[in-house]
């Protein structure tokens, strides 16, 4: 019961953090401001998150958790690599173009210290990218894709999947994508990837 109560309180605090972030930007966001917005004590925030950077690292980590958990689980199965990418794509695109990711990226772009950008990279991209590399290596081992550098293969896949969708969301030129759009774009990205990197028997 205590764990459930803490989990609920953390969600309230993290939701308040996004509200303050959107209103004041990263530089204008303080632990005290978040505490007031969440109607929590400043002491609680410091005990749970350490400092502002720790709190935002928790936000980024939680935001990426569904994608990371999905990849972790899939890599433990015998599912072929392209099937894994097929189920991952819509989740990853939805994550990276979702409202919370957009709020974090807008704030990072306006943060001259670079602190939030570094947090986003460490808790987001640097966590998911190695898992995607493992998927690509499985695809090569299974003869589905042919490439020399796994990092370049991941980069190509992300370019095909995301393209300019995230930046257009960040600058307010696109609405939040629908599940149908994410599924369609994911399928198209996978098709292009197979044509560009597919081993001869899979083209």
N, C-alpha and C. Protein backbone atom coordinates (compact mmCIF):
# COMPACT_ATOMS: atom_id res chain seq x y z
N UNK A 1 0.84 -1.21 0.00
CA UNK A 1 0.00 0.00 0.00
C UNK A 1 0.87 1.25 0.00
N UNK A 2 1.95 1.24 0.79
CA UNK A 2 2.84 2.39 0.86
C UNK A 2 3.51 2.65 -0.49
N UNK A 3 3.91 1.56 -1.18
CA UNK A 3 4.53 1.69 -2.49
C UNK A 3 3.56 2.27 -3.51
N UNK A 4 2.29 1.85 -3.44
CA UNK A 4 1.28 2.36 -4.36
C UNK A 4 1.06 3.86 -4.12
N UNK A 5 1.04 4.24 -2.85
CA UNK A 5 0.84 5.65 -2.50
C UNK A 5 2.00 6.49 -3.00
N UNK A 6 3.23 5.96 -2.84
CA UNK A 6 4.41 6.71 -3.30
C UNK A 6 4.40 6.82 -4.82
N UNK A 7 4.04 5.73 -5.50
CA UNK A 7 4.00 5.74 -6.96
C UNK A 7 3.00 6.77 -7.47
N UNK A 8 1.85 6.84 -6.84
CA UNK A 8 0.83 7.81 -7.22
C UNK A 8 1.34 9.23 -6.98
N UNK A 9 2.00 9.43 -5.85
CA UNK A 9 2.53 10.77 -5.51
C UNK A 9 3.61 11.18 -6.50
N UNK A 10 4.44 10.23 -6.91
CA UNK A 10 5.48 10.54 -7.88
C UNK A 10 4.87 10.97 -9.21
N UNK A 11 3.81 10.29 -9.62
CA UNK A 11 3.15 10.67 -10.88
C UNK A 11 2.59 12.08 -10.79
N UNK A 12 2.05 12.43 -9.61
CA UNK A 12 1.51 13.78 -9.42
C UNK A 12 2.63 14.82 -9.48
N UNK A 13 3.75 14.51 -8.84
CA UNK A 13 4.90 15.42 -8.84
C UNK A 13 5.45 15.58 -10.25
N UNK A 14 5.57 14.48 -10.96
CA UNK A 14 6.14 14.54 -12.31
C UNK A 14 5.20 15.25 -13.28
N UNK A 15 3.90 15.09 -13.08
CA UNK A 15 2.93 15.83 -13.89
C UNK A 15 3.05 17.33 -13.61
N UNK A 16 3.23 17.68 -12.34
CA UNK A 16 3.41 19.08 -11.96
C UNK A 16 4.69 19.64 -12.58
N UNK A 17 5.73 18.81 -12.65
CA UNK A 17 7.01 19.25 -13.24
C UNK A 17 6.82 19.64 -14.70
N UNK A 18 6.03 18.86 -15.43
CA UNK A 18 5.77 19.20 -16.83
C UNK A 18 5.00 20.51 -16.94
N UNK A 19 4.06 20.73 -16.03
CA UNK A 19 3.27 21.96 -16.06
C UNK A 19 4.16 23.19 -15.82
N UNK A 20 5.06 23.08 -14.84
CA UNK A 20 5.97 24.19 -14.54
C UNK A 20 6.96 24.37 -15.69
N UNK A 21 7.44 23.27 -16.24
CA UNK A 21 8.39 23.32 -17.35
C UNK A 21 7.79 24.05 -18.55
N UNK A 22 6.56 23.72 -18.91
CA UNK A 22 5.93 24.37 -20.05
C UNK A 22 5.67 25.85 -19.79
N UNK A 23 5.41 26.18 -18.55
CA UNK A 23 5.10 27.58 -18.21
C UNK A 23 6.36 28.44 -18.07
N UNK A 24 7.44 27.86 -17.54
CA UNK A 24 8.61 28.68 -17.19
C UNK A 24 9.91 28.27 -17.87
N UNK A 25 9.90 27.15 -18.62
CA UNK A 25 11.14 26.70 -19.22
C UNK A 25 12.03 26.03 -18.19
N UNK A 26 13.09 25.38 -18.66
CA UNK A 26 13.94 24.63 -17.74
C UNK A 26 14.68 25.56 -16.77
N UNK A 27 15.19 26.67 -17.30
CA UNK A 27 15.94 27.59 -16.45
C UNK A 27 15.09 28.20 -15.35
N UNK A 28 13.80 28.43 -15.64
CA UNK A 28 12.91 29.04 -14.66
C UNK A 28 12.21 28.05 -13.76
N UNK A 29 12.48 26.76 -14.00
CA UNK A 29 11.87 25.72 -13.18
C UNK A 29 12.74 25.41 -11.98
N UNK A 30 12.14 25.40 -10.81
CA UNK A 30 12.88 25.09 -9.58
C UNK A 30 12.17 23.96 -8.85
N UNK A 31 12.91 23.32 -7.98
CA UNK A 31 12.32 22.25 -7.16
C UNK A 31 11.21 22.82 -6.29
N UNK A 32 11.41 24.02 -5.78
CA UNK A 32 10.40 24.65 -4.94
C UNK A 32 9.13 24.94 -5.75
N UNK A 33 9.30 25.42 -6.99
CA UNK A 33 8.16 25.70 -7.85
C UNK A 33 7.36 24.44 -8.16
N UNK A 34 8.08 23.35 -8.40
CA UNK A 34 7.42 22.07 -8.68
C UNK A 34 6.70 21.58 -7.44
N UNK A 35 7.36 21.71 -6.29
CA UNK A 35 6.76 21.28 -5.02
C UNK A 35 5.45 22.02 -4.76
N UNK A 36 5.45 23.33 -5.00
CA UNK A 36 4.24 24.13 -4.80
C UNK A 36 3.14 23.70 -5.76
N UNK A 37 3.51 23.47 -7.02
CA UNK A 37 2.53 23.06 -8.02
C UNK A 37 1.92 21.70 -7.67
N UNK A 38 2.75 20.81 -7.11
CA UNK A 38 2.29 19.45 -6.76
C UNK A 38 1.71 19.38 -5.36
N UNK A 39 1.78 20.51 -4.63
CA UNK A 39 1.35 20.55 -3.24
C UNK A 39 2.08 19.48 -2.42
N UNK A 40 3.39 19.44 -2.64
CA UNK A 40 4.26 18.51 -1.93
C UNK A 40 5.32 19.33 -1.21
N UNK A 41 6.04 18.70 -0.31
CA UNK A 41 7.11 19.42 0.39
C UNK A 41 8.37 19.40 -0.46
N UNK A 42 9.12 20.50 -0.35
CA UNK A 42 10.39 20.59 -1.06
C UNK A 42 11.33 19.47 -0.60
N UNK A 43 11.25 19.13 0.67
CA UNK A 43 12.09 18.08 1.25
C UNK A 43 11.80 16.73 0.58
N UNK A 44 10.52 16.46 0.31
CA UNK A 44 10.15 15.20 -0.35
C UNK A 44 10.80 15.09 -1.72
N UNK A 45 10.75 16.19 -2.49
CA UNK A 45 11.34 16.18 -3.83
C UNK A 45 12.84 15.90 -3.77
N UNK A 46 13.53 16.55 -2.84
CA UNK A 46 14.98 16.34 -2.74
C UNK A 46 15.30 14.93 -2.25
N UNK A 47 14.47 14.40 -1.37
CA UNK A 47 14.70 13.04 -0.87
C UNK A 47 14.51 12.00 -1.98
N UNK A 48 13.53 12.23 -2.83
CA UNK A 48 13.19 11.25 -3.86
C UNK A 48 14.04 11.39 -5.12
N UNK A 49 14.39 12.62 -5.48
CA UNK A 49 15.06 12.85 -6.77
C UNK A 49 16.48 13.40 -6.67
N UNK A 50 16.86 13.87 -5.52
CA UNK A 50 18.21 14.41 -5.36
C UNK A 50 18.29 15.89 -5.68
N UNK A 51 18.04 16.26 -6.93
CA UNK A 51 18.06 17.66 -7.34
C UNK A 51 17.23 17.79 -8.62
N UNK A 52 17.24 18.99 -9.18
CA UNK A 52 16.41 19.23 -10.37
C UNK A 52 16.82 18.32 -11.53
N UNK A 53 18.11 18.17 -11.73
CA UNK A 53 18.57 17.32 -12.82
C UNK A 53 18.13 15.88 -12.60
N UNK A 54 18.18 15.44 -11.33
CA UNK A 54 17.73 14.08 -11.01
C UNK A 54 16.26 13.90 -11.28
N UNK A 55 15.46 14.92 -10.98
CA UNK A 55 14.03 14.86 -11.25
C UNK A 55 13.75 14.75 -12.73
N UNK A 56 14.44 15.58 -13.52
CA UNK A 56 14.19 15.54 -14.96
C UNK A 56 14.76 14.27 -15.60
N UNK A 57 15.80 13.73 -15.03
CA UNK A 57 16.28 12.45 -15.52
C UNK A 57 15.22 11.37 -15.29
N UNK A 58 14.54 11.47 -14.15
CA UNK A 58 13.45 10.53 -13.85
C UNK A 58 12.31 10.70 -14.85
N UNK A 59 12.02 11.95 -15.24
CA UNK A 59 10.96 12.20 -16.23
C UNK A 59 11.30 11.56 -17.57
N UNK A 60 12.54 11.77 -18.01
CA UNK A 60 12.96 11.23 -19.30
C UNK A 60 12.97 9.71 -19.26
N UNK A 61 13.48 9.16 -18.16
CA UNK A 61 13.55 7.70 -18.02
C UNK A 61 12.16 7.09 -18.03
N UNK A 62 11.24 7.70 -17.29
CA UNK A 62 9.87 7.19 -17.26
C UNK A 62 9.21 7.29 -18.64
N UNK A 63 9.51 8.38 -19.34
CA UNK A 63 8.92 8.58 -20.66
C UNK A 63 9.39 7.51 -21.65
N UNK A 64 10.64 7.06 -21.48
CA UNK A 64 11.21 6.07 -22.40
C UNK A 64 11.03 4.64 -21.92
N UNK A 65 10.44 4.47 -20.74
CA UNK A 65 10.39 3.14 -20.11
C UNK A 65 9.61 2.12 -20.94
N UNK A 66 8.49 2.54 -21.55
CA UNK A 66 7.70 1.58 -22.31
C UNK A 66 8.49 1.01 -23.48
N UNK A 67 9.21 1.91 -24.19
CA UNK A 67 10.02 1.46 -25.33
C UNK A 67 11.16 0.57 -24.86
N UNK A 68 11.85 0.97 -23.80
CA UNK A 68 12.96 0.18 -23.29
C UNK A 68 12.47 -1.19 -22.82
N UNK A 69 11.37 -1.22 -22.08
CA UNK A 69 10.83 -2.49 -21.58
C UNK A 69 10.42 -3.40 -22.73
N UNK A 70 9.83 -2.80 -23.77
CA UNK A 70 9.41 -3.57 -24.94
C UNK A 70 10.63 -4.22 -25.60
N UNK A 71 11.69 -3.44 -25.79
CA UNK A 71 12.90 -3.97 -26.42
C UNK A 71 13.55 -5.04 -25.55
N UNK A 72 13.64 -4.77 -24.26
CA UNK A 72 14.23 -5.77 -23.33
C UNK A 72 13.49 -7.09 -23.43
N UNK A 73 12.16 -7.02 -23.42
CA UNK A 73 11.34 -8.24 -23.47
C UNK A 73 11.48 -8.96 -24.80
N UNK A 74 11.45 -8.21 -25.89
CA UNK A 74 11.53 -8.81 -27.22
C UNK A 74 12.88 -9.47 -27.47
N UNK A 75 13.95 -8.86 -26.95
CA UNK A 75 15.28 -9.42 -27.16
C UNK A 75 15.49 -10.73 -26.40
N UNK A 76 14.61 -11.00 -25.45
CA UNK A 76 14.70 -12.27 -24.71
C UNK A 76 13.90 -13.38 -25.40
N UNK A 77 13.17 -13.03 -26.44
CA UNK A 77 12.38 -14.02 -27.18
C UNK A 77 13.16 -14.51 -28.40
N UNK A 78 12.55 -15.43 -29.14
CA UNK A 78 13.14 -15.90 -30.39
C UNK A 78 12.55 -15.18 -31.59
N UNK A 79 11.81 -14.12 -31.35
CA UNK A 79 11.19 -13.38 -32.45
C UNK A 79 12.26 -12.84 -33.39
N UNK A 80 11.97 -12.89 -34.70
CA UNK A 80 12.98 -12.39 -35.63
C UNK A 80 13.06 -10.87 -35.53
N UNK A 81 14.21 -10.34 -35.93
CA UNK A 81 14.52 -8.93 -35.70
C UNK A 81 13.54 -7.98 -36.39
N UNK A 82 13.16 -8.29 -37.63
CA UNK A 82 12.26 -7.38 -38.33
C UNK A 82 10.87 -7.36 -37.71
N UNK A 83 10.47 -8.48 -37.12
CA UNK A 83 9.20 -8.51 -36.39
C UNK A 83 9.28 -7.62 -35.15
N UNK A 84 10.43 -7.65 -34.49
CA UNK A 84 10.64 -6.80 -33.31
C UNK A 84 10.53 -5.33 -33.72
N UNK A 85 11.19 -4.96 -34.82
CA UNK A 85 11.11 -3.58 -35.29
C UNK A 85 9.68 -3.21 -35.68
N UNK A 86 8.96 -4.19 -36.21
CA UNK A 86 7.57 -3.94 -36.60
C UNK A 86 6.68 -3.56 -35.44
N UNK A 87 6.88 -4.20 -34.29
CA UNK A 87 6.07 -3.87 -33.11
C UNK A 87 6.63 -2.67 -32.36
N UNK A 88 7.94 -2.45 -32.49
CA UNK A 88 8.57 -1.33 -31.80
C UNK A 88 8.26 0.01 -32.45
N UNK A 89 8.28 0.04 -33.77
CA UNK A 89 8.19 1.31 -34.50
C UNK A 89 7.08 2.24 -34.05
N UNK A 90 5.82 1.79 -34.00
CA UNK A 90 4.75 2.69 -33.57
C UNK A 90 4.95 3.23 -32.16
N UNK A 91 5.46 2.39 -31.25
CA UNK A 91 5.69 2.83 -29.87
C UNK A 91 6.78 3.90 -29.83
N UNK A 92 7.86 3.68 -30.59
CA UNK A 92 8.98 4.62 -30.57
C UNK A 92 8.59 5.95 -31.19
N UNK A 93 7.88 5.90 -32.32
CA UNK A 93 7.45 7.14 -32.96
C UNK A 93 6.48 7.91 -32.07
N UNK A 94 5.56 7.19 -31.44
CA UNK A 94 4.60 7.83 -30.53
C UNK A 94 5.33 8.48 -29.35
N UNK A 95 6.34 7.78 -28.83
CA UNK A 95 7.12 8.32 -27.71
C UNK A 95 7.81 9.62 -28.10
N UNK A 96 8.52 9.60 -29.22
CA UNK A 96 9.37 10.72 -29.60
C UNK A 96 8.59 11.92 -30.11
N UNK A 97 7.34 11.71 -30.50
CA UNK A 97 6.53 12.84 -30.98
C UNK A 97 5.37 13.15 -30.03
N UNK A 98 5.35 12.49 -28.88
CA UNK A 98 4.29 12.71 -27.90
C UNK A 98 4.45 14.04 -27.18
N UNK A 99 3.40 14.46 -26.50
CA UNK A 99 3.38 15.76 -25.85
C UNK A 99 4.51 15.93 -24.84
N UNK A 100 4.79 14.89 -24.06
CA UNK A 100 5.81 15.03 -23.02
C UNK A 100 7.22 15.13 -23.62
N UNK A 101 7.49 14.33 -24.65
CA UNK A 101 8.79 14.42 -25.31
C UNK A 101 8.95 15.80 -25.96
N UNK A 102 7.87 16.30 -26.54
CA UNK A 102 7.92 17.62 -27.17
C UNK A 102 8.21 18.70 -26.13
N UNK A 103 7.55 18.62 -24.98
CA UNK A 103 7.79 19.60 -23.91
C UNK A 103 9.24 19.56 -23.44
N UNK A 104 9.79 18.37 -23.29
CA UNK A 104 11.17 18.23 -22.84
C UNK A 104 12.13 18.77 -23.89
N UNK A 105 11.88 18.48 -25.15
CA UNK A 105 12.77 18.95 -26.20
C UNK A 105 12.70 20.46 -26.41
N UNK A 106 11.51 21.02 -26.27
CA UNK A 106 11.40 22.47 -26.36
C UNK A 106 12.19 23.15 -25.25
N UNK A 107 12.07 22.59 -24.05
CA UNK A 107 12.79 23.15 -22.91
C UNK A 107 14.30 22.98 -23.08
N UNK A 108 14.71 21.84 -23.61
CA UNK A 108 16.14 21.59 -23.81
C UNK A 108 16.73 22.56 -24.83
N UNK A 109 15.95 22.84 -25.88
CA UNK A 109 16.43 23.77 -26.91
C UNK A 109 16.62 25.18 -26.36
N UNK A 110 15.83 25.54 -25.36
CA UNK A 110 15.90 26.88 -24.78
C UNK A 110 16.85 26.95 -23.59
N UNK A 111 17.40 25.82 -23.18
CA UNK A 111 18.28 25.77 -22.01
C UNK A 111 19.73 25.99 -22.44
N UNK A 112 20.22 27.20 -22.23
CA UNK A 112 21.58 27.54 -22.68
C UNK A 112 22.67 26.77 -21.95
N UNK A 113 22.37 26.22 -20.79
CA UNK A 113 23.38 25.47 -20.04
C UNK A 113 23.66 24.10 -20.67
N UNK A 114 22.70 23.60 -21.46
CA UNK A 114 22.87 22.28 -22.07
C UNK A 114 22.59 21.14 -21.12
N UNK A 115 22.22 21.47 -19.88
CA UNK A 115 22.04 20.44 -18.85
C UNK A 115 20.88 19.51 -19.19
N UNK A 116 19.75 20.08 -19.60
CA UNK A 116 18.59 19.24 -19.91
C UNK A 116 18.84 18.40 -21.16
N UNK A 117 19.52 18.98 -22.14
CA UNK A 117 19.85 18.24 -23.35
C UNK A 117 20.71 17.02 -23.03
N UNK A 118 21.67 17.21 -22.13
CA UNK A 118 22.54 16.09 -21.72
C UNK A 118 21.73 15.02 -21.00
N UNK A 119 20.79 15.45 -20.18
CA UNK A 119 19.93 14.50 -19.46
C UNK A 119 19.06 13.72 -20.44
N UNK A 120 18.50 14.42 -21.43
CA UNK A 120 17.68 13.76 -22.45
C UNK A 120 18.49 12.71 -23.19
N UNK A 121 19.72 13.06 -23.53
CA UNK A 121 20.56 12.12 -24.28
C UNK A 121 20.91 10.90 -23.45
N UNK A 122 21.29 11.14 -22.20
CA UNK A 122 21.73 10.04 -21.34
C UNK A 122 20.60 9.09 -20.99
N UNK A 123 19.46 9.63 -20.60
CA UNK A 123 18.36 8.79 -20.13
C UNK A 123 17.46 8.31 -21.26
N UNK A 124 17.60 8.92 -22.44
CA UNK A 124 16.76 8.53 -23.56
C UNK A 124 17.53 7.80 -24.63
N UNK A 125 18.13 8.55 -25.53
CA UNK A 125 18.83 7.97 -26.69
C UNK A 125 19.91 6.97 -26.29
N UNK A 126 20.73 7.34 -25.30
CA UNK A 126 21.85 6.47 -24.93
C UNK A 126 21.40 5.17 -24.26
N UNK A 127 20.15 5.13 -23.83
CA UNK A 127 19.60 3.90 -23.24
C UNK A 127 18.98 3.01 -24.31
N UNK A 128 18.24 3.62 -25.23
CA UNK A 128 17.52 2.86 -26.25
C UNK A 128 18.42 2.46 -27.42
N UNK A 129 19.36 3.31 -27.79
CA UNK A 129 20.20 3.08 -28.97
C UNK A 129 20.95 1.74 -28.91
N UNK A 130 21.60 1.41 -27.78
CA UNK A 130 22.30 0.12 -27.72
C UNK A 130 21.37 -1.08 -27.88
N UNK A 131 20.14 -0.95 -27.40
CA UNK A 131 19.17 -2.04 -27.57
C UNK A 131 18.78 -2.18 -29.04
N UNK A 132 18.64 -1.05 -29.73
CA UNK A 132 18.34 -1.10 -31.15
C UNK A 132 19.51 -1.72 -31.93
N UNK A 133 20.72 -1.44 -31.49
CA UNK A 133 21.88 -2.06 -32.13
C UNK A 133 21.82 -3.58 -32.01
N UNK A 134 21.40 -4.07 -30.86
CA UNK A 134 21.27 -5.52 -30.68
C UNK A 134 20.23 -6.11 -31.62
N UNK A 135 19.15 -5.37 -31.86
CA UNK A 135 18.13 -5.84 -32.81
C UNK A 135 18.73 -5.90 -34.21
N UNK A 136 19.48 -4.88 -34.58
CA UNK A 136 20.09 -4.86 -35.91
C UNK A 136 21.09 -6.00 -36.08
N UNK A 137 21.87 -6.25 -35.05
CA UNK A 137 22.84 -7.35 -35.13
C UNK A 137 22.12 -8.70 -35.26
N UNK A 138 20.98 -8.84 -34.60
CA UNK A 138 20.19 -10.06 -34.75
C UNK A 138 19.71 -10.18 -36.19
N UNK A 139 19.27 -9.05 -36.77
CA UNK A 139 18.79 -9.07 -38.15
C UNK A 139 19.91 -9.51 -39.10
N UNK A 140 21.13 -9.07 -38.82
CA UNK A 140 22.25 -9.46 -39.67
C UNK A 140 22.58 -10.94 -39.49
N UNK A 141 22.55 -11.39 -38.24
CA UNK A 141 22.83 -12.80 -37.97
C UNK A 141 21.78 -13.71 -38.62
N UNK A 142 20.55 -13.23 -38.67
CA UNK A 142 19.46 -14.02 -39.26
C UNK A 142 19.40 -13.90 -40.78
N UNK A 143 20.30 -13.08 -41.34
CA UNK A 143 20.33 -12.92 -42.78
C UNK A 143 19.23 -12.02 -43.33
N UNK A 144 18.61 -11.23 -42.45
CA UNK A 144 17.54 -10.34 -42.90
C UNK A 144 18.07 -9.02 -43.44
N UNK A 145 19.14 -8.52 -42.83
CA UNK A 145 19.75 -7.27 -43.25
C UNK A 145 21.25 -7.47 -43.45
N UNK A 146 21.83 -6.62 -44.29
CA UNK A 146 23.27 -6.67 -44.55
C UNK A 146 23.85 -5.27 -44.37
N UNK A 147 24.81 -5.14 -43.47
CA UNK A 147 25.45 -3.84 -43.21
C UNK A 147 26.78 -4.10 -42.50
N UNK A 148 27.62 -3.06 -42.46
CA UNK A 148 28.92 -3.19 -41.79
C UNK A 148 28.87 -2.63 -40.36
N UNK A 149 28.30 -1.45 -40.19
CA UNK A 149 28.28 -0.80 -38.89
C UNK A 149 26.86 -0.80 -38.32
N UNK A 150 26.69 -1.41 -37.16
CA UNK A 150 25.35 -1.47 -36.56
C UNK A 150 24.82 -0.08 -36.20
N UNK A 151 25.73 0.81 -35.77
CA UNK A 151 25.31 2.16 -35.43
C UNK A 151 24.72 2.90 -36.62
N UNK A 152 25.33 2.68 -37.79
CA UNK A 152 24.84 3.33 -39.01
C UNK A 152 23.49 2.74 -39.41
N UNK A 153 23.32 1.44 -39.19
CA UNK A 153 22.03 0.79 -39.51
C UNK A 153 20.92 1.34 -38.62
N UNK A 154 21.22 1.51 -37.33
CA UNK A 154 20.23 2.10 -36.41
C UNK A 154 19.91 3.53 -36.84
N UNK A 155 20.95 4.29 -37.18
CA UNK A 155 20.74 5.67 -37.61
C UNK A 155 19.84 5.75 -38.83
N UNK A 156 20.05 4.85 -39.78
CA UNK A 156 19.21 4.82 -40.98
C UNK A 156 17.77 4.50 -40.62
N UNK A 157 17.58 3.53 -39.76
CA UNK A 157 16.22 3.15 -39.35
C UNK A 157 15.52 4.33 -38.66
N UNK A 158 16.23 5.01 -37.77
CA UNK A 158 15.62 6.15 -37.07
C UNK A 158 15.31 7.28 -38.04
N UNK A 159 16.19 7.50 -39.02
CA UNK A 159 15.91 8.53 -40.03
C UNK A 159 14.64 8.20 -40.81
N UNK A 160 14.51 6.94 -41.18
CA UNK A 160 13.34 6.52 -41.95
C UNK A 160 12.06 6.60 -41.12
N UNK A 161 12.17 6.23 -39.86
CA UNK A 161 10.99 6.22 -38.98
C UNK A 161 10.58 7.62 -38.55
N UNK A 162 11.54 8.41 -38.11
CA UNK A 162 11.22 9.69 -37.48
C UNK A 162 11.33 10.86 -38.46
N UNK A 163 12.39 10.85 -39.28
CA UNK A 163 12.58 11.95 -40.23
C UNK A 163 12.53 13.29 -39.53
N UNK A 164 11.68 14.20 -40.04
CA UNK A 164 11.55 15.52 -39.42
C UNK A 164 10.31 15.62 -38.54
N UNK A 165 9.71 14.47 -38.22
CA UNK A 165 8.46 14.50 -37.45
C UNK A 165 8.63 15.14 -36.08
N UNK A 166 9.72 14.79 -35.38
CA UNK A 166 9.90 15.32 -34.03
C UNK A 166 10.14 16.82 -34.04
N UNK A 167 11.03 17.29 -34.92
CA UNK A 167 11.33 18.72 -34.92
C UNK A 167 10.12 19.53 -35.36
N UNK A 168 9.31 18.99 -36.28
CA UNK A 168 8.10 19.71 -36.70
C UNK A 168 7.08 19.75 -35.57
N UNK A 169 7.05 18.73 -34.72
CA UNK A 169 6.19 18.76 -33.54
C UNK A 169 6.70 19.81 -32.54
N UNK A 170 8.03 19.84 -32.37
CA UNK A 170 8.63 20.76 -31.40
C UNK A 170 8.36 22.22 -31.77
N UNK A 171 8.40 22.52 -33.07
CA UNK A 171 8.17 23.91 -33.48
C UNK A 171 6.70 24.20 -33.77
N UNK A 172 5.84 23.25 -33.44
CA UNK A 172 4.40 23.49 -33.53
C UNK A 172 3.81 23.41 -34.92
N UNK A 173 4.47 22.68 -35.82
CA UNK A 173 3.98 22.58 -37.19
C UNK A 173 3.21 21.29 -37.47
N UNK A 174 3.15 20.39 -36.48
CA UNK A 174 2.41 19.14 -36.65
C UNK A 174 1.59 18.86 -35.40
N UNK A 175 0.40 18.29 -35.58
CA UNK A 175 -0.38 17.87 -34.41
C UNK A 175 0.19 16.57 -33.86
N UNK A 176 -0.25 16.16 -32.70
CA UNK A 176 0.17 14.89 -32.13
C UNK A 176 -0.29 13.76 -33.06
N UNK A 177 0.60 12.84 -33.42
CA UNK A 177 0.23 11.80 -34.39
C UNK A 177 -0.76 10.79 -33.82
N UNK A 178 -1.59 10.27 -34.68
CA UNK A 178 -2.56 9.26 -34.27
C UNK A 178 -1.89 7.88 -34.27
N UNK A 179 -2.45 6.92 -33.55
CA UNK A 179 -1.91 5.56 -33.59
C UNK A 179 -1.86 5.00 -35.01
N UNK A 180 -2.86 5.31 -35.82
CA UNK A 180 -2.90 4.82 -37.20
C UNK A 180 -1.74 5.39 -38.00
N UNK A 181 -1.45 6.67 -37.81
CA UNK A 181 -0.33 7.30 -38.51
C UNK A 181 0.99 6.65 -38.10
N UNK A 182 1.17 6.43 -36.79
CA UNK A 182 2.42 5.83 -36.30
C UNK A 182 2.60 4.42 -36.86
N UNK A 183 1.51 3.66 -36.93
CA UNK A 183 1.58 2.30 -37.45
C UNK A 183 1.93 2.31 -38.94
N UNK A 184 1.30 3.21 -39.69
CA UNK A 184 1.55 3.29 -41.13
C UNK A 184 2.97 3.74 -41.43
N UNK A 185 3.45 4.75 -40.71
CA UNK A 185 4.80 5.25 -40.95
C UNK A 185 5.84 4.20 -40.54
N UNK A 186 5.57 3.48 -39.46
CA UNK A 186 6.47 2.42 -39.01
C UNK A 186 6.60 1.32 -40.06
N UNK A 187 5.46 0.93 -40.62
CA UNK A 187 5.47 -0.11 -41.65
C UNK A 187 6.24 0.35 -42.89
N UNK A 188 6.04 1.60 -43.26
CA UNK A 188 6.75 2.14 -44.42
C UNK A 188 8.25 2.21 -44.16
N UNK A 189 8.65 2.64 -42.96
CA UNK A 189 10.07 2.73 -42.61
C UNK A 189 10.72 1.35 -42.67
N UNK A 190 10.02 0.35 -42.19
CA UNK A 190 10.55 -1.01 -42.19
C UNK A 190 10.69 -1.53 -43.62
N UNK A 191 9.74 -1.17 -44.46
CA UNK A 191 9.82 -1.57 -45.86
C UNK A 191 11.01 -0.95 -46.56
N UNK A 192 11.23 0.34 -46.32
CA UNK A 192 12.39 1.03 -46.91
C UNK A 192 13.69 0.44 -46.38
N UNK A 193 13.74 0.15 -45.10
CA UNK A 193 14.95 -0.42 -44.50
C UNK A 193 15.28 -1.76 -45.15
N UNK A 194 14.27 -2.58 -45.35
CA UNK A 194 14.48 -3.89 -45.95
C UNK A 194 14.98 -3.77 -47.39
N UNK A 195 14.48 -2.76 -48.11
CA UNK A 195 14.93 -2.58 -49.49
C UNK A 195 16.35 -2.05 -49.55
N UNK A 196 16.70 -1.19 -48.59
CA UNK A 196 18.03 -0.57 -48.61
C UNK A 196 19.12 -1.48 -48.05
N UNK A 197 18.79 -2.22 -47.00
CA UNK A 197 19.80 -3.05 -46.34
C UNK A 197 19.52 -4.54 -46.40
N UNK A 198 18.41 -4.91 -47.01
CA UNK A 198 18.04 -6.32 -47.01
C UNK A 198 19.06 -7.20 -47.69
N UNK A 199 19.32 -8.36 -47.08
CA UNK A 199 20.18 -9.35 -47.73
C UNK A 199 19.49 -9.80 -49.01
N UNK A 200 20.25 -10.22 -50.03
CA UNK A 200 19.66 -10.57 -51.34
C UNK A 200 18.42 -11.44 -51.28
N UNK A 201 18.39 -12.43 -50.39
CA UNK A 201 17.24 -13.36 -50.33
C UNK A 201 16.02 -12.72 -49.69
N UNK A 202 16.20 -11.54 -49.03
CA UNK A 202 15.08 -10.90 -48.35
C UNK A 202 14.61 -9.64 -49.08
N UNK A 203 15.19 -9.33 -50.20
CA UNK A 203 14.77 -8.14 -50.93
C UNK A 203 13.61 -8.44 -51.85
